[in-house]
Amino acid sequence: MSKPESKTLEQPDRQWWKEAVVYQIYPRSFNDSDGDGIGDLGGIIEKVDYLDALGVDAVWLCPVYESPQADNGYDISDYRSIHDTYGDLDDWRDLLDALHDRDIRLIMDLVVNHTSDEHEWFQQSRRREGEFEDYYIWRDGRSADDADYDTADGPTDEVAPNNWEAAFGGPAWTYDVERGQWYLHLFDEKQPDLNWRNPTVRDSVYEMMNWWLSQGIDGFRMDVINLISKTEGLPDGDAESGQTGAKHFMNGPKVHDYLQEMHQEVLTDDSLLTVGEAPGAHVDDAQQYVGSDGDGLSMVFQFEHVTFDHDGDKWDAGDWSLVEFKEILSKWQNGLADDGWNSIYLNNHDQPRMVSRFGDDGAYRTESAKLLATLTHTLQGTPFVYQGEELGMTNAEFASTEELRDVEALNFVEAAIEAGDAATYDDVRDAIEYVGRDNARTPMQWDDAEHAGFTDGEPWIDCNSNYETVNVARARANEDSVWHYYRDLIELREEHDVLVYGEFSLLCPEDPAVFAYTRTLGEEHGLVVLNFEPEPVEFEVPADVTLDGLELAIANTEVPTTPRPSFELGPYEARVYLTS
């Protein structure tokens, strides 16, 4: 998988995962091979040649473990079994072999902040059985007279142990009648948090991880891994914006100790790709997670660039500024440039479609999809492509709550109506259709047949209504499509080390329309210019940027082969110039 070494530049610190493009598969929505309306491992195997044709180097597979599916698999009841809707371990091994036969690596989703409440660990813990008694975070409640907050009462009119909120809404505590105590769940009540302070819990997790590595996988994507450490004593949170209590469980006091221990026990092979999802992490946090003297992770998923327009709540997302967007991405580019590595993404299974979020999903859908792809493949870091992104898939329409499947969205609608913030679903529909997670989970659009070629049955969630025009078959037949542009970008990145390892330098930071930057590696250099507006703009190349030797490498429209000191950019136009 390694590219030939360049003879004209100082050798960078090469790793396959720095040079790779990773494709994220949400299996429930990718391809259904048995007609039950839900994607499965057999369906992925049927499409492995598609992934190979696109040119990706690795697949991040969202959870396929045994699960009651309260959160579509992120509530795991058995880490070493496959949920029967997806297949079984033999099917999983067939997928691994099919990918490896094509030199595509497999990254498994690791969900160890919490399990399902149906996991045998939790069942034994609620019964206080032996070593499992302390596997989860159990607490007695408080008298309502002793608390200055109001949550659901327990059977003795007590309230939850603290005022922390769950990410999906409501209190982060649920009373368990069988045990007679409250348990912590930072997400759904069917997702109880593991007690990472217990060394036996950590040993169980490490044993499970080593088992998966023994099966031949190539790394882990670690779900909300920076939440595993909670402040001792579990104090109340302040009246902060966002999730109440977050400062006591995001980037907690012992998280680095736990991750360093994980590295020593499991992840000593630096050829493994380990990417940690880290909500609330800033650049200085990331330096500790991924730096040479840090915890040993390859990279983190940070959220600053996809939440910067949230007004304390994702459902209040609104207008955003390109100037601020550039400032955030540049901060991360520069902050990890000398010691660390960035992950580059604009959408995933938890985020809306990037064309609808940062581009134009109407008249300029194709142009803006290509523009955003140019951005993600020419910044320093590893690009992550979410299924359907390579087609320019868009957000969907959800006419009623009956069409929603996401527990977070359904909880939001219910809470908004109960609080009097909305009278009906229609009052919050715009928010759902702008940032709701179901936007990313509509089925992959393979062709213009019924249900977009995803299934012969009834899909678990409706297809986007535009599948007849936005689909794989149509895109692959059109040389000017978004799909072919992605393939060209992936090839370009493989051929030019400067796009992988080159130094990033932002140009014109205050320009409200144009995102421009240079990449430099030894004698190789490049210029990237992106117009984020739906109308033409003039761009003047700063005088200190050399244009000598630059030739057009890729663009989403017809442009001159060599750059001029100033030029007009069309709507959502993207250009990349590189030294030949």
Protein backbone atom coordinates (compact mmCIF):
# COMPACT_ATOMS: atom_id res chain seq x y z
CA MET A 1 0.00 0.00 0.00
CA SER A 2 2.97 2.33 0.43
CA LYS A 3 3.75 4.81 -2.30
CA PRO A 4 7.23 5.01 -3.83
CA GLU A 5 9.50 7.31 -1.87
CA SER A 6 10.20 10.70 -3.43
CA LYS A 7 13.82 11.48 -4.20
CA THR A 8 13.40 15.25 -4.05
CA LEU A 9 12.29 15.88 -0.49
CA GLU A 10 13.28 15.26 3.07
CA GLN A 11 11.58 12.04 4.14
CA PRO A 12 8.53 12.57 6.39
CA ASP A 13 7.47 10.25 9.18
CA ARG A 14 5.54 7.83 7.00
CA GLN A 15 2.63 5.73 8.20
CA TRP A 16 0.14 3.94 5.97
CA TRP A 17 -2.75 5.53 7.84
CA LYS A 18 -1.46 9.02 7.12
CA GLU A 19 -1.46 8.28 3.38
CA ALA A 20 -4.77 6.41 3.43
CA VAL A 21 -8.31 7.44 2.58
CA VAL A 22 -10.80 5.77 4.94
CA TYR A 23 -14.36 4.91 3.88
CA GLN A 24 -16.99 4.76 6.62
CA ILE A 25 -19.74 2.17 6.31
CA TYR A 26 -22.95 2.40 8.33
CA PRO A 27 -23.96 -1.23 7.73
CA ARG A 28 -27.65 -0.83 8.49
CA SER A 29 -27.98 1.51 5.50
CA PHE A 30 -25.28 0.34 3.06
CA ASN A 31 -26.60 -2.69 1.17
CA ASP A 32 -29.16 -5.38 2.02
CA SER A 33 -28.41 -8.85 0.63
CA ASP A 34 -31.34 -10.82 2.08
CA GLY A 35 -34.35 -8.58 1.50
CA ASP A 36 -35.24 -7.83 5.12
CA GLY A 37 -34.81 -4.08 4.58
CA ILE A 38 -31.67 -3.79 6.72
CA GLY A 39 -28.13 -3.68 5.38
CA ASP A 40 -25.85 -6.57 6.31
CA LEU A 41 -22.36 -8.02 6.00
CA GLY A 42 -23.34 -9.98 2.90
CA GLY A 43 -24.41 -6.71 1.32
CA ILE A 44 -21.05 -5.13 2.06
CA ILE A 45 -19.24 -8.14 0.57
CA GLU A 46 -21.28 -7.66 -2.62
CA LYS A 47 -19.90 -4.10 -2.86
CA VAL A 48 -16.24 -4.67 -2.02
CA ASP A 49 -15.29 -4.26 -5.69
CA TYR A 50 -17.08 -0.91 -5.62
CA LEU A 51 -14.85 0.23 -2.76
CA ASP A 52 -11.80 -1.03 -4.62
CA ALA A 53 -12.82 0.85 -7.76
CA LEU A 54 -13.21 4.06 -5.77
CA GLY A 55 -9.66 3.61 -4.53
CA VAL A 56 -10.07 3.74 -0.75
CA ASP A 57 -7.43 2.19 1.50
CA ALA A 58 -9.42 1.25 4.60
CA VAL A 59 -12.98 0.72 5.79
CA TRP A 60 -14.28 1.92 9.14
CA LEU A 61 -17.15 -0.43 9.95
CA CYS A 62 -19.76 0.93 12.35
CA PRO A 63 -20.90 -1.58 15.00
CA VAL A 64 -22.16 -4.97 13.85
CA TYR A 65 -21.92 -6.62 17.28
CA GLU A 66 -24.79 -8.31 19.10
CA SER A 67 -27.12 -5.53 20.24
CA PRO A 68 -30.77 -4.78 21.01
CA GLN A 69 -30.34 -1.81 18.62
CA ALA A 70 -31.57 0.91 20.96
CA ASP A 71 -28.95 3.16 19.33
CA ASN A 72 -28.43 1.22 16.10
CA GLY A 73 -25.63 -0.94 17.46
CA TYR A 74 -23.83 1.52 19.71
CA ASP A 75 -25.45 -0.37 22.57
CA ILE A 76 -23.47 -3.62 22.58
CA SER A 77 -24.70 -6.72 24.43
CA ASP A 78 -21.91 -9.09 23.30
CA TYR A 79 -18.59 -7.82 21.95
CA ARG A 80 -17.59 -11.14 20.40
CA SER A 81 -20.77 -11.94 18.50
CA ILE A 82 -22.35 -10.46 15.39
CA HIS A 83 -25.96 -9.27 15.49
CA ASP A 84 -27.95 -11.83 13.50
CA THR A 85 -29.53 -9.15 11.30
CA TYR A 86 -26.05 -8.47 9.91
CA GLY A 87 -24.92 -12.11 9.70
CA ASP A 88 -22.48 -14.05 11.85
CA LEU A 89 -18.76 -14.29 12.53
CA ASP A 90 -18.21 -16.39 9.41
CA ASP A 91 -19.77 -13.61 7.32
CA TRP A 92 -17.57 -11.09 9.11
CA ARG A 93 -14.45 -13.16 8.37
CA ASP A 94 -15.50 -13.41 4.71
CA LEU A 95 -15.73 -9.62 4.62
CA LEU A 96 -12.31 -9.23 6.23
CA ASP A 97 -10.79 -11.61 3.68
CA ALA A 98 -12.50 -9.87 0.77
CA LEU A 99 -11.16 -6.50 1.88
CA HIS A 100 -7.65 -7.76 2.59
CA ASP A 101 -7.56 -9.52 -0.79
CA ARG A 102 -7.93 -6.06 -2.31
CA ASP A 103 -5.39 -4.41 0.03
CA ILE A 104 -8.16 -2.61 1.92
CA ARG A 105 -7.76 -2.59 5.69
CA LEU A 106 -10.60 -2.99 8.20
CA ILE A 107 -11.11 -0.69 11.20
CA MET A 108 -13.67 -1.83 13.80
CA ASP A 109 -15.79 0.50 15.90
CA LEU A 110 -14.89 0.21 19.59
CA VAL A 111 -17.67 1.25 22.01
CA VAL A 112 -16.37 0.95 25.57
CA ASN A 113 -17.59 4.04 27.40
CA HIS A 114 -20.83 2.11 27.78
CA THR A 115 -22.52 -1.17 26.91
CA SER A 116 -26.12 -2.23 26.47
CA ASP A 117 -28.15 -2.80 29.61
CA GLU A 118 -28.69 -6.28 28.14
CA HIS A 119 -24.97 -7.11 28.31
CA GLU A 120 -24.30 -9.94 30.76
CA TRP A 121 -21.92 -7.65 32.67
CA PHE A 122 -24.77 -5.27 33.45
CA GLN A 123 -27.21 -8.06 34.25
CA GLN A 124 -24.75 -9.47 36.78
CA SER A 125 -23.92 -6.01 38.10
CA ARG A 126 -27.56 -5.16 38.86
CA ARG A 127 -27.72 -8.44 40.80
CA ARG A 128 -24.48 -7.51 42.64
CA GLU A 129 -22.81 -10.73 41.55
CA GLY A 130 -19.15 -11.07 42.49
CA GLU A 131 -16.63 -8.97 40.57
CA PHE A 132 -19.39 -7.52 38.37
CA GLU A 133 -20.97 -5.55 41.23
CA ASP A 134 -18.72 -2.56 40.49
CA TYR A 135 -18.59 -2.84 36.67
CA TYR A 136 -20.91 0.16 36.21
CA ILE A 137 -21.41 3.49 37.97
CA TRP A 138 -24.07 2.96 40.63
CA ARG A 139 -25.10 5.53 43.23
CA ASP A 140 -27.81 6.10 45.81
CA GLY A 141 -30.12 8.98 45.05
CA ARG A 142 -30.50 12.24 46.96
CA SER A 143 -33.42 13.50 48.93
CA ALA A 144 -35.39 15.99 46.90
CA ASP A 145 -34.86 18.45 49.76
CA ASP A 146 -31.08 18.25 49.33
CA ALA A 147 -30.95 18.93 45.59
CA ASP A 148 -31.50 22.15 43.69
CA TYR A 149 -32.56 20.43 40.51
CA ASP A 150 -35.51 18.30 39.46
CA THR A 151 -35.26 14.91 37.75
CA ALA A 152 -37.42 11.81 37.61
CA ASP A 153 -38.17 10.52 41.10
CA GLY A 154 -37.15 7.13 42.38
CA PRO A 155 -39.63 4.97 44.30
CA THR A 156 -38.80 6.77 47.58
CA ASP A 157 -39.24 10.29 46.23
CA GLU A 158 -35.50 10.69 45.86
CA VAL A 159 -33.86 12.40 42.93
CA ALA A 160 -30.87 11.42 40.80
CA PRO A 161 -27.36 11.53 42.33
CA ASN A 162 -26.46 14.66 40.37
CA ASN A 163 -27.81 16.98 37.70
CA TRP A 164 -25.90 15.62 34.72
CA GLU A 165 -27.78 15.44 31.44
CA ALA A 166 -27.73 12.64 28.88
CA ALA A 167 -26.62 13.47 25.35
CA PHE A 168 -29.96 12.31 23.94
CA GLY A 169 -31.95 14.44 26.39
CA GLY A 170 -33.20 14.07 29.94
CA PRO A 171 -31.26 13.11 33.07
CA ALA A 172 -28.12 10.95 32.81
CA TRP A 173 -29.40 8.66 35.57
CA THR A 174 -32.02 5.90 35.68
CA TYR A 175 -33.26 4.14 38.81
CA ASP A 176 -32.95 0.35 38.71
CA VAL A 177 -35.57 -1.39 40.84
CA GLU A 178 -33.74 -4.71 41.00
CA ARG A 179 -30.52 -3.22 42.39
CA GLY A 180 -32.22 -0.40 44.27
CA GLN A 181 -29.78 2.24 42.99
CA TRP A 182 -29.35 4.69 40.14
CA TYR A 183 -26.95 4.01 37.24
CA LEU A 184 -25.19 6.56 35.06
CA HIS A 185 -25.80 6.67 31.30
CA LEU A 186 -24.37 9.61 29.37
CA PHE A 187 -26.47 8.50 26.38
CA ASP A 188 -29.69 6.46 26.26
CA GLU A 189 -30.91 4.74 29.43
CA LYS A 190 -30.21 1.43 27.68
CA GLN A 191 -26.52 2.43 27.44
CA PRO A 192 -25.10 2.31 31.00
CA ASP A 193 -21.59 3.71 31.46
CA LEU A 194 -18.82 1.31 32.41
CA ASN A 195 -16.83 2.06 35.55
CA TRP A 196 -13.33 2.61 34.21
CA ARG A 197 -12.00 3.18 37.73
CA ASN A 198 -12.36 -0.56 38.22
CA PRO A 199 -9.16 -2.27 36.94
CA THR A 200 -11.11 -5.48 36.26
CA VAL A 201 -13.32 -3.57 33.83
CA ARG A 202 -10.26 -2.26 32.03
CA ASP A 203 -8.71 -5.73 31.86
CA SER A 204 -11.93 -7.09 30.36
CA VAL A 205 -11.92 -4.37 27.72
CA TYR A 206 -8.26 -4.96 26.84
CA GLU A 207 -8.81 -8.70 26.58
CA MET A 208 -11.69 -8.11 24.18
CA MET A 209 -9.64 -5.69 22.07
CA ASN A 210 -6.75 -8.15 21.83
CA TRP A 211 -9.21 -10.82 20.72
CA TRP A 212 -10.34 -8.65 17.82
CA LEU A 213 -6.76 -7.87 16.86
CA SER A 214 -6.07 -11.63 16.83
CA GLN A 215 -8.82 -11.92 14.21
CA GLY A 216 -6.72 -9.77 11.87
CA ILE A 217 -8.26 -6.31 12.02
CA ASP A 218 -6.16 -3.22 11.37
CA GLY A 219 -7.28 -0.86 14.11
CA PHE A 220 -10.12 0.72 16.02
CA ARG A 221 -12.30 3.79 15.81
CA MET A 222 -13.02 4.52 19.49
CA ASP A 223 -16.49 5.87 20.22
CA VAL A 224 -16.59 8.83 22.68
CA ILE A 225 -13.34 7.57 24.18
CA ASN A 226 -12.61 10.82 26.01
CA LEU A 227 -15.69 10.31 28.22
CA ILE A 228 -14.41 7.20 30.04
CA SER A 229 -13.03 9.15 33.03
CA LYS A 230 -15.40 11.00 35.37
CA THR A 231 -14.52 13.48 38.10
CA GLU A 232 -14.27 11.73 41.45
CA GLY A 233 -17.36 12.31 43.55
CA LEU A 234 -19.49 13.02 40.46
CA PRO A 235 -20.30 16.62 41.45
CA ASP A 236 -23.14 18.63 39.99
CA GLY A 237 -22.47 20.50 36.78
CA ASP A 238 -22.73 24.25 36.46
CA ALA A 239 -25.45 25.93 34.45
CA GLU A 240 -23.17 25.66 31.44
CA SER A 241 -24.29 25.70 27.82
CA GLY A 242 -24.54 22.33 26.15
CA GLN A 243 -24.70 19.09 28.10
CA THR A 244 -24.89 19.78 31.84
CA GLY A 245 -22.02 18.13 33.68
CA ALA A 246 -19.79 17.89 30.62
CA LYS A 247 -16.76 19.39 32.35
CA HIS A 248 -16.85 16.42 34.73
CA PHE A 249 -16.77 13.72 32.05
CA MET A 250 -15.23 15.20 28.88
CA ASN A 251 -11.44 14.80 28.91
CA GLY A 252 -11.69 13.64 32.52
CA PRO A 253 -8.91 13.51 35.11
CA LYS A 254 -7.67 9.98 34.41
CA VAL A 255 -8.49 9.59 30.71
CA HIS A 256 -4.83 9.83 29.69
CA ASP A 257 -3.82 7.26 32.29
CA TYR A 258 -6.40 4.84 30.93
CA LEU A 259 -5.43 5.39 27.29
CA GLN A 260 -1.73 5.02 28.02
CA GLU A 261 -2.49 1.77 29.81
CA MET A 262 -4.60 0.66 26.82
CA HIS A 263 -1.66 1.43 24.55
CA GLN A 264 0.69 -0.66 26.68
CA GLU A 265 -1.72 -3.59 26.96
CA VAL A 266 -3.15 -3.60 23.42
CA LEU A 267 -1.91 -1.00 20.96
CA THR A 268 1.88 -1.22 20.92
CA ASP A 269 1.92 -1.88 17.16
CA ASP A 270 2.11 1.60 15.63
CA SER A 271 0.91 0.26 12.29
CA LEU A 272 -2.59 0.05 13.79
CA LEU A 273 -4.95 2.92 13.02
CA THR A 274 -6.51 4.21 16.24
CA VAL A 275 -8.81 7.19 15.99
CA GLY A 276 -10.56 8.42 19.11
CA GLU A 277 -13.86 10.25 18.93
CA ALA A 278 -13.38 13.15 21.34
CA PRO A 279 -16.35 15.50 21.76
CA GLY A 280 -15.38 18.70 23.51
CA ALA A 281 -11.67 18.23 22.82
CA HIS A 282 -9.56 21.24 21.89
CA VAL A 283 -6.17 21.32 20.20
CA ASP A 284 -4.22 21.11 23.45
CA ASP A 285 -6.28 18.05 24.47
CA ALA A 286 -5.61 16.43 21.10
CA GLN A 287 -1.87 17.00 21.45
CA GLN A 288 -1.96 14.82 24.55
CA TYR A 289 -4.00 12.12 22.83
CA VAL A 290 -1.94 11.89 19.63
CA GLY A 291 1.44 13.57 20.24
CA SER A 292 4.71 11.65 20.40
CA ASP A 293 4.76 11.93 24.20
CA GLY A 294 1.01 11.40 24.53
CA ASP A 295 -1.39 8.48 24.72
CA GLY A 296 -0.49 6.75 21.47
CA LEU A 297 -3.64 7.37 19.41
CA SER A 298 -3.14 7.96 15.69
CA MET A 299 -5.63 10.82 15.57
CA VAL A 300 -8.89 12.08 17.08
CA PHE A 301 -12.24 13.09 15.72
CA GLN A 302 -12.81 16.61 16.99
CA PHE A 303 -16.13 18.45 16.62
CA GLU A 304 -15.24 22.11 16.74
CA HIS A 305 -15.61 22.63 12.99
CA VAL A 306 -19.03 20.94 12.80
CA THR A 307 -20.53 22.52 15.92
CA PHE A 308 -19.23 26.09 15.82
CA ASP A 309 -22.62 27.48 14.78
CA HIS A 310 -24.55 25.64 17.50
CA ASP A 311 -25.98 28.15 19.93
CA GLY A 312 -25.35 25.93 22.96
CA ASP A 313 -27.58 23.26 21.41
CA LYS A 314 -27.21 21.37 18.13
CA TRP A 315 -30.86 21.99 17.31
CA ASP A 316 -30.17 25.74 17.30
CA ALA A 317 -27.59 25.47 14.51
CA GLY A 318 -27.91 28.26 12.00
CA ASP A 319 -25.94 30.64 9.84
CA TRP A 320 -22.20 30.08 9.79
CA SER A 321 -19.23 32.17 8.74
CA LEU A 322 -16.52 30.96 6.36
CA VAL A 323 -14.03 33.17 8.19
CA GLU A 324 -14.70 31.33 11.46
CA PHE A 325 -14.73 27.96 9.67
CA LYS A 326 -11.28 28.69 8.22
CA GLU A 327 -10.00 29.88 11.57
CA ILE A 328 -11.02 26.62 13.27
CA LEU A 329 -9.65 24.29 10.61
CA SER A 330 -6.41 26.28 10.41
CA LYS A 331 -6.01 26.14 14.18
CA TRP A 332 -6.17 22.35 14.05
CA GLN A 333 -3.90 22.16 11.01
CA ASN A 334 -1.22 24.23 12.71
CA GLY A 335 -1.75 22.82 16.20
CA LEU A 336 -0.97 19.24 15.16
CA ALA A 337 1.44 20.01 12.33
CA ASP A 338 4.67 19.32 14.20
CA ASP A 339 3.55 16.62 16.60
CA GLY A 340 0.37 14.70 15.88
CA TRP A 341 -2.03 14.10 13.02
CA ASN A 342 -5.49 15.31 11.99
CA SER A 343 -8.55 13.41 10.89
CA ILE A 344 -10.38 15.25 8.11
CA TYR A 345 -14.14 14.89 7.79
CA LEU A 346 -17.24 17.00 7.24
CA ASN A 347 -19.96 14.39 7.75
CA ASN A 348 -20.51 10.94 9.24
CA HIS A 349 -23.30 8.81 10.71
CA ASP A 350 -23.92 11.42 13.44
CA GLN A 351 -23.73 14.52 11.23
CA PRO A 352 -25.97 15.80 8.43
CA ARG A 353 -24.88 15.48 4.82
CA MET A 354 -22.03 17.89 4.16
CA VAL A 355 -23.46 19.22 0.87
CA SER A 356 -26.59 20.31 2.70
CA ARG A 357 -24.57 21.64 5.65
CA PHE A 358 -21.66 23.48 4.02
CA GLY A 359 -22.53 23.57 0.33
CA ASP A 360 -25.60 23.95 -1.86
CA ASP A 361 -27.80 20.87 -2.24
CA GLY A 362 -29.88 22.55 -4.93
CA ALA A 363 -28.64 24.18 -8.12
CA TYR A 364 -24.95 23.73 -7.24
CA ARG A 365 -25.08 20.30 -5.63
CA THR A 366 -22.44 18.80 -7.94
CA GLU A 367 -20.10 21.79 -7.82
CA SER A 368 -20.26 22.20 -4.06
CA ALA A 369 -19.88 18.46 -3.43
CA LYS A 370 -16.69 18.54 -5.46
CA LEU A 371 -15.51 21.69 -3.69
CA LEU A 372 -15.96 20.15 -0.25
CA ALA A 373 -14.23 16.97 -1.41
CA THR A 374 -11.32 19.08 -2.60
CA LEU A 375 -11.06 20.60 0.87
CA THR A 376 -11.09 17.29 2.73
CA HIS A 377 -8.52 15.67 0.42
CA THR A 378 -6.02 18.54 0.34
CA LEU A 379 -5.75 19.45 4.02
CA GLN A 380 -3.03 17.77 6.08
CA GLY A 381 -4.57 14.72 7.71
CA THR A 382 -6.37 11.50 6.88
CA PRO A 383 -9.59 11.98 4.86
CA PHE A 384 -12.67 10.05 6.00
CA VAL A 385 -15.35 9.53 3.34
CA TYR A 386 -18.83 8.71 4.64
CA GLN A 387 -20.90 6.38 2.46
CA GLY A 388 -22.75 8.29 -0.23
CA GLU A 389 -20.61 11.37 0.20
CA GLU A 390 -18.85 10.36 -3.01
CA LEU A 391 -22.20 10.74 -4.81
CA GLY A 392 -23.07 14.11 -3.32
CA MET A 393 -25.94 12.62 -1.30
CA THR A 394 -28.04 15.24 0.48
CA ASN A 395 -30.20 15.67 3.55
CA ALA A 396 -33.66 14.15 3.30
CA GLU A 397 -37.22 15.22 4.07
CA PHE A 398 -39.06 13.83 7.10
CA ALA A 399 -42.73 14.77 6.94
CA SER A 400 -43.65 13.34 10.34
CA THR A 401 -42.19 11.64 13.40
CA GLU A 402 -43.30 8.31 11.91
CA GLU A 403 -40.53 8.73 9.35
CA LEU A 404 -37.84 9.32 12.00
CA ARG A 405 -35.73 6.50 13.43
CA ASP A 406 -33.09 8.31 15.49
CA VAL A 407 -33.64 8.17 19.25
CA GLU A 408 -31.97 11.56 19.67
CA ALA A 409 -34.35 13.25 17.21
CA LEU A 410 -37.43 11.57 18.64
CA ASN A 411 -36.46 12.60 22.17
CA PHE A 412 -35.89 16.17 20.98
CA VAL A 413 -39.34 16.40 19.41
CA GLU A 414 -41.01 14.98 22.52
CA ALA A 415 -39.09 17.29 24.85
CA ALA A 416 -39.79 20.38 22.72
CA ILE A 417 -43.53 19.70 22.74
CA GLU A 418 -43.61 18.90 26.47
CA ALA A 419 -41.70 22.10 27.27
CA GLY A 420 -44.05 24.21 25.18
CA ASP A 421 -41.30 25.18 22.72
CA ALA A 422 -43.26 23.53 19.92
CA ALA A 423 -46.92 22.77 19.40
CA THR A 424 -46.44 20.10 16.73
CA TYR A 425 -43.66 18.34 14.86
CA ASP A 426 -43.89 20.93 12.09
CA ASP A 427 -42.52 23.55 14.48
CA VAL A 428 -39.20 21.68 14.78
CA ARG A 429 -39.12 20.00 11.39
CA ASP A 430 -36.60 22.46 9.93
CA ALA A 431 -34.13 21.68 12.71
CA ILE A 432 -34.55 17.92 12.21
CA GLU A 433 -34.00 18.23 8.48
CA TYR A 434 -30.96 20.47 8.95
CA VAL A 435 -28.91 18.65 11.60
CA GLY A 436 -30.75 15.43 12.49
CA ARG A 437 -28.78 12.17 12.38
CA ASP A 438 -31.34 10.39 10.20
CA ASN A 439 -30.14 12.57 7.30
CA ALA A 440 -26.96 10.49 7.19
CA ARG A 441 -28.74 7.18 7.66
CA THR A 442 -31.06 7.01 4.68
CA PRO A 443 -30.09 4.08 2.45
CA MET A 444 -27.13 4.19 0.11
CA GLN A 445 -28.39 5.08 -3.36
CA TRP A 446 -27.13 2.42 -5.77
CA ASP A 447 -29.44 2.92 -8.77
CA ASP A 448 -32.85 4.23 -9.80
CA ALA A 449 -34.74 1.01 -9.05
CA GLU A 450 -37.27 0.87 -6.24
CA HIS A 451 -35.69 1.69 -2.85
CA ALA A 452 -32.56 2.92 -4.66
CA GLY A 453 -31.35 -0.64 -5.21
CA PHE A 454 -30.62 -0.90 -1.49
CA THR A 455 -33.10 -3.70 -0.77
CA ASP A 456 -35.73 -5.93 -2.34
CA GLY A 457 -37.84 -5.49 0.79
CA GLU A 458 -39.13 -2.51 2.74
CA PRO A 459 -36.19 -0.39 3.96
CA TRP A 460 -35.89 0.22 7.70
CA ILE A 461 -35.84 3.96 6.92
CA ASP A 462 -37.15 5.60 3.76
CA CYS A 463 -34.78 6.45 0.92
CA ASN A 464 -34.09 10.03 0.01
CA SER A 465 -36.55 11.02 -2.70
CA ASN A 466 -33.75 12.15 -5.05
CA TYR A 467 -32.32 8.63 -5.54
CA GLU A 468 -33.48 8.43 -9.16
CA THR A 469 -30.99 11.12 -10.14
CA VAL A 470 -28.36 10.79 -7.38
CA ASN A 471 -27.10 7.20 -7.43
CA VAL A 472 -24.03 5.07 -8.05
CA ALA A 473 -25.05 3.70 -11.45
CA ARG A 474 -25.69 7.13 -12.88
CA ALA A 475 -22.56 8.61 -11.31
CA ARG A 476 -20.20 5.92 -12.58
CA ALA A 477 -21.61 6.30 -16.10
CA ASN A 478 -20.90 10.04 -16.08
CA GLU A 479 -17.20 10.96 -16.30
CA ASP A 480 -17.97 14.42 -14.89
CA SER A 481 -19.77 13.13 -11.80
CA VAL A 482 -18.94 13.65 -8.15
CA TRP A 483 -17.94 9.96 -7.93
CA HIS A 484 -15.26 10.25 -10.62
CA TYR A 485 -14.00 13.45 -9.03
CA TYR A 486 -13.53 11.60 -5.74
CA ARG A 487 -11.58 8.86 -7.48
CA ASP A 488 -9.38 11.47 -9.14
CA LEU A 489 -8.76 13.19 -5.81
CA ILE A 490 -7.80 9.92 -4.16
CA GLU A 491 -5.37 9.16 -6.98
CA LEU A 492 -3.95 12.68 -6.83
CA ARG A 493 -3.28 12.35 -3.13
CA GLU A 494 -1.56 9.00 -3.71
CA GLU A 495 0.73 10.59 -6.30
CA HIS A 496 1.72 13.77 -4.43
CA ASP A 497 3.34 13.59 -1.00
CA VAL A 498 2.88 17.31 -0.63
CA LEU A 499 -0.89 16.76 -0.21
CA VAL A 500 -0.24 14.29 2.60
CA TYR A 501 2.78 15.60 4.48
CA GLY A 502 3.16 19.15 3.22
CA GLU A 503 3.05 22.17 5.51
CA PHE A 504 -0.29 24.01 5.52
CA SER A 505 -0.46 27.82 5.34
CA LEU A 506 -3.76 29.71 5.25
CA LEU A 507 -4.09 32.61 2.82
CA CYS A 508 -6.44 35.58 3.14
CA PRO A 509 -7.99 34.56 6.48
CA GLU A 510 -10.52 37.42 6.45
CA ASP A 511 -11.86 36.71 2.96
CA PRO A 512 -15.57 35.92 3.50
CA ALA A 513 -15.93 33.89 0.30
CA VAL A 514 -12.65 32.15 -0.54
CA PHE A 515 -10.82 29.42 1.37
CA ALA A 516 -7.27 29.41 0.03
CA TYR A 517 -4.06 27.84 1.31
CA THR A 518 -0.71 26.51 0.26
CA ARG A 519 0.93 23.15 0.89
CA THR A 520 4.73 22.90 0.92
CA LEU A 521 7.08 19.92 1.24
CA GLY A 522 10.70 20.51 0.30
CA GLU A 523 10.73 21.60 -3.33
CA GLU A 524 7.12 20.57 -3.88
CA HIS A 525 4.40 23.10 -3.31
CA GLY A 526 0.74 23.59 -4.09
CA LEU A 527 -2.01 26.19 -4.10
CA VAL A 528 -5.64 25.35 -3.26
CA VAL A 529 -8.38 27.91 -3.94
CA LEU A 530 -12.05 27.30 -3.08
CA ASN A 531 -14.97 29.68 -3.63
CA PHE A 532 -17.72 28.93 -1.09
CA GLU A 533 -20.20 31.35 -2.65
CA PRO A 534 -22.96 30.72 -5.23
CA GLU A 535 -21.76 33.64 -7.33
CA PRO A 536 -18.45 34.57 -9.00
CA VAL A 537 -15.76 36.24 -6.91
CA GLU A 538 -12.40 37.80 -7.68
CA PHE A 539 -9.35 36.33 -5.99
CA GLU A 540 -5.92 37.90 -5.83
CA VAL A 541 -3.05 35.62 -4.96
CA PRO A 542 -0.96 37.17 -2.17
CA ALA A 543 2.32 38.60 -3.44
CA ASP A 544 4.46 36.32 -1.27
CA VAL A 545 3.01 33.15 -2.83
CA THR A 546 5.17 31.86 -5.67
CA LEU A 547 3.31 30.65 -8.74
CA ASP A 548 6.43 29.44 -10.53
CA GLY A 549 6.20 25.85 -11.65
CA LEU A 550 2.56 25.40 -10.66
CA GLU A 551 0.28 23.50 -13.00
CA LEU A 552 -3.40 22.68 -12.66
CA ALA A 553 -3.77 19.29 -10.95
CA ILE A 554 -7.55 19.15 -10.55
CA ALA A 555 -10.54 21.48 -10.71
CA ASN A 556 -14.30 21.11 -10.67
CA THR A 557 -14.72 23.22 -13.81
CA GLU A 558 -12.73 24.20 -16.89
CA VAL A 559 -9.92 26.58 -15.82
CA PRO A 560 -6.50 27.68 -17.14
CA THR A 561 -3.69 25.18 -16.66
CA THR A 562 -1.43 27.72 -14.95
CA PRO A 563 -2.44 30.20 -12.23
CA ARG A 564 -2.44 33.95 -12.71
CA PRO A 565 -1.81 36.54 -9.98
CA SER A 566 -5.53 37.29 -9.93
CA PHE A 567 -8.50 35.50 -11.43
CA GLU A 568 -12.24 35.07 -11.21
CA LEU A 569 -13.69 32.01 -9.47
CA GLY A 570 -17.09 30.76 -10.53
CA PRO A 571 -19.81 29.61 -8.11
CA TYR A 572 -18.40 26.90 -5.80
CA GLU A 573 -15.32 26.64 -7.98
CA ALA A 574 -12.38 24.59 -6.70
CA ARG A 575 -8.82 24.61 -8.07
CA VAL A 576 -5.68 22.76 -7.03
CA TYR A 577 -2.33 23.75 -8.54
CA LEU A 578 0.77 21.65 -7.84
CA THR A 579 4.38 21.64 -8.95
CA SER A 580 4.74 19.31 -11.90
